Amino acid sequence: MSTTAAIELLQSALSTTLILAAPVLAVLIAFALVINILQTLTQLHDHTLIFVPKLLGAGIVILLLLPWLLGRLAEYATDVYRTASYHRL
């Protein structure tokens, strides 16, 4: 495998990782922002108040987006297999 093929595979792996992680991270940031504002307003600073809603939010987002996430991952795996088999010839 050439160096350019390896670099292309690494770039596609990183971009796929960012695309798959972005929705979950966006929801976690939104939950954290809302909860931190509520904690500031109520002056109630407890770490479990942040952890549980973020955990539930991430779980719900992953369950809702699971078909899309698996489709993108399967598409990436197919592309990697095709690229690897093409460069072996």
C-alpha atoms as a PDB file:
ATOM      1  CA  MET A   1       0.000   0.000   0.000  1.00  0.00           C
ATOM      2  CA  SER A   2       1.344   3.391  -0.941  1.00  0.00           C
ATOM      3  CA  THR A   3       1.737   6.298   1.397  1.00  0.00           C
ATOM      4  CA  THR A   4      -0.980   8.321  -0.316  1.00  0.00           C
ATOM      5  CA  ALA A   5      -3.463   5.452   0.028  1.00  0.00           C
ATOM      6  CA  ALA A   6      -2.678   5.161   3.736  1.00  0.00           C
ATOM      7  CA  ILE A   7      -3.121   8.916   4.192  1.00  0.00           C
ATOM      8  CA  GLU A   8      -6.464   8.815   2.360  1.00  0.00           C
ATOM      9  CA  LEU A   9      -7.640   5.955   4.573  1.00  0.00           C
ATOM     10  CA  LEU A  10      -6.618   7.858   7.694  1.00  0.00           C
ATOM     11  CA  GLN A  11      -8.355  11.020   6.501  1.00  0.00           C
ATOM     12  CA  SER A  12     -11.558   9.144   5.761  1.00  0.00           C
ATOM     13  CA  ALA A  13     -11.384   7.430   9.163  1.00  0.00           C
ATOM     14  CA  LEU A  14     -11.005  10.752  10.969  1.00  0.00           C
ATOM     15  CA  SER A  15     -13.770  12.446   9.003  1.00  0.00           C
ATOM     16  CA  THR A  16     -16.131   9.510   9.578  1.00  0.00           C
ATOM     17  CA  THR A  17     -15.344   9.585  13.296  1.00  0.00           C
ATOM     18  CA  LEU A  18     -16.115  13.303  13.503  1.00  0.00           C
ATOM     19  CA  ILE A  19     -19.350  12.910  11.531  1.00  0.00           C
ATOM     20  CA  LEU A  20     -20.537  10.044  13.752  1.00  0.00           C
ATOM     21  CA  ALA A  21     -19.602  11.749  17.026  1.00  0.00           C
ATOM     22  CA  ALA A  22     -20.867  15.253  16.210  1.00  0.00           C
ATOM     23  CA  PRO A  23     -24.615  14.767  16.928  1.00  0.00           C
ATOM     24  CA  VAL A  24     -23.996  13.101  20.288  1.00  0.00           C
ATOM     25  CA  LEU A  25     -21.439  15.715  21.320  1.00  0.00           C
ATOM     26  CA  ALA A  26     -23.763  18.546  20.263  1.00  0.00           C
ATOM     27  CA  VAL A  27     -26.558  17.168  22.457  1.00  0.00           C
ATOM     28  CA  LEU A  28     -24.171  16.717  25.392  1.00  0.00           C
ATOM     29  CA  ILE A  29     -22.958  20.310  25.070  1.00  0.00           C
ATOM     30  CA  ALA A  30     -26.529  21.603  24.880  1.00  0.00           C
ATOM     31  CA  PHE A  31     -27.560  19.595  27.954  1.00  0.00           C
ATOM     32  CA  ALA A  32     -24.512  20.791  29.868  1.00  0.00           C
ATOM     33  CA  LEU A  33     -25.203  24.406  28.979  1.00  0.00           C
ATOM     34  CA  VAL A  34     -28.842  24.263  30.058  1.00  0.00           C
ATOM     35  CA  ILE A  35     -28.056  22.408  33.270  1.00  0.00           C
ATOM     36  CA  ASN A  36     -25.230  24.781  34.157  1.00  0.00           C
ATOM     37  CA  ILE A  37     -27.524  27.771  33.663  1.00  0.00           C
ATOM     38  CA  LEU A  38     -30.149  26.157  35.897  1.00  0.00           C
ATOM     39  CA  GLN A  39     -27.512  25.358  38.518  1.00  0.00           C
ATOM     40  CA  THR A  40     -26.285  28.931  38.444  1.00  0.00           C
ATOM     41  CA  LEU A  41     -29.786  30.264  38.853  1.00  0.00           C
ATOM     42  CA  THR A  42     -30.639  27.936  41.742  1.00  0.00           C
ATOM     43  CA  GLN A  43     -27.121  27.951  43.252  1.00  0.00           C
ATOM     44  CA  LEU A  44     -27.309  24.179  43.538  1.00  0.00           C
ATOM     45  CA  HIS A  45     -23.999  22.711  42.409  1.00  0.00           C
ATOM     46  CA  ASP A  46     -24.089  18.936  42.506  1.00  0.00           C
ATOM     47  CA  HIS A  47     -22.170  16.802  40.009  1.00  0.00           C
ATOM     48  CA  THR A  48     -24.859  14.140  39.793  1.00  0.00           C
ATOM     49  CA  LEU A  49     -27.293  16.745  38.484  1.00  0.00           C
ATOM     50  CA  ILE A  50     -25.072  17.123  35.433  1.00  0.00           C
ATOM     51  CA  PHE A  51     -24.162  13.476  34.922  1.00  0.00           C
ATOM     52  CA  VAL A  52     -27.585  11.785  34.839  1.00  0.00           C
ATOM     53  CA  PRO A  53     -29.318  14.060  32.278  1.00  0.00           C
ATOM     54  CA  LYS A  54     -26.268  14.016  30.009  1.00  0.00           C
ATOM     55  CA  LEU A  55     -26.148  10.224  30.197  1.00  0.00           C
ATOM     56  CA  LEU A  56     -29.850   9.941  29.398  1.00  0.00           C
ATOM     57  CA  GLY A  57     -29.583  12.477  26.575  1.00  0.00           C
ATOM     58  CA  ALA A  58     -26.643  10.682  24.991  1.00  0.00           C
ATOM     59  CA  GLY A  59     -28.441   7.348  25.244  1.00  0.00           C
ATOM     60  CA  ILE A  60     -31.598   8.715  23.634  1.00  0.00           C
ATOM     61  CA  VAL A  61     -29.672  10.381  20.801  1.00  0.00           C
ATOM     62  CA  ILE A  62     -27.691   7.218  20.119  1.00  0.00           C
ATOM     63  CA  LEU A  63     -30.875   5.126  20.057  1.00  0.00           C
ATOM     64  CA  LEU A  64     -32.640   7.571  17.735  1.00  0.00           C
ATOM     65  CA  LEU A  65     -29.684   7.888  15.367  1.00  0.00           C
ATOM     66  CA  LEU A  66     -28.582   4.243  15.506  1.00  0.00           C
ATOM     67  CA  PRO A  67     -29.817   3.307  11.997  1.00  0.00           C
ATOM     68  CA  TRP A  68     -28.062   6.328  10.487  1.00  0.00           C
ATOM     69  CA  LEU A  69     -24.884   5.727  12.505  1.00  0.00           C
ATOM     70  CA  LEU A  70     -24.721   2.065  11.494  1.00  0.00           C
ATOM     71  CA  GLY A  71     -25.408   2.944   7.856  1.00  0.00           C
ATOM     72  CA  ARG A  72     -22.541   5.438   7.786  1.00  0.00           C
ATOM     73  CA  LEU A  73     -20.249   2.966   9.519  1.00  0.00           C
ATOM     74  CA  ALA A  74     -21.156   0.188   7.068  1.00  0.00           C
ATOM     75  CA  GLU A  75     -20.569   2.575   4.159  1.00  0.00           C
ATOM     76  CA  TYR A  76     -17.152   3.472   5.557  1.00  0.00           C
ATOM     77  CA  ALA A  77     -16.219  -0.191   6.076  1.00  0.00           C
ATOM     78  CA  THR A  78     -17.249  -1.006   2.510  1.00  0.00           C
ATOM     79  CA  ASP A  79     -15.148   1.867   1.165  1.00  0.00           C
ATOM     80  CA  VAL A  80     -12.136   0.750   3.193  1.00  0.00           C
ATOM     81  CA  TYR A  81     -12.487  -2.819   1.939  1.00  0.00           C
ATOM     82  CA  ARG A  82     -12.793  -1.659  -1.670  1.00  0.00           C
ATOM     83  CA  THR A  83      -9.815   0.669  -1.340  1.00  0.00           C
ATOM     84  CA  ALA A  84      -7.675  -1.980   0.318  1.00  0.00           C
ATOM     85  CA  SER A  85      -8.540  -4.618  -2.285  1.00  0.00           C
ATOM     86  CA  TYR A  86      -7.925  -2.121  -5.111  1.00  0.00           C
ATOM     87  CA  HIS A  87      -4.458  -1.209  -3.826  1.00  0.00           C
ATOM     88  CA  ARG A  88      -3.431  -4.871  -3.458  1.00  0.00           C
ATOM     89  CA  LEU A  89      -3.706  -5.410  -7.225  1.00  0.00           C
END
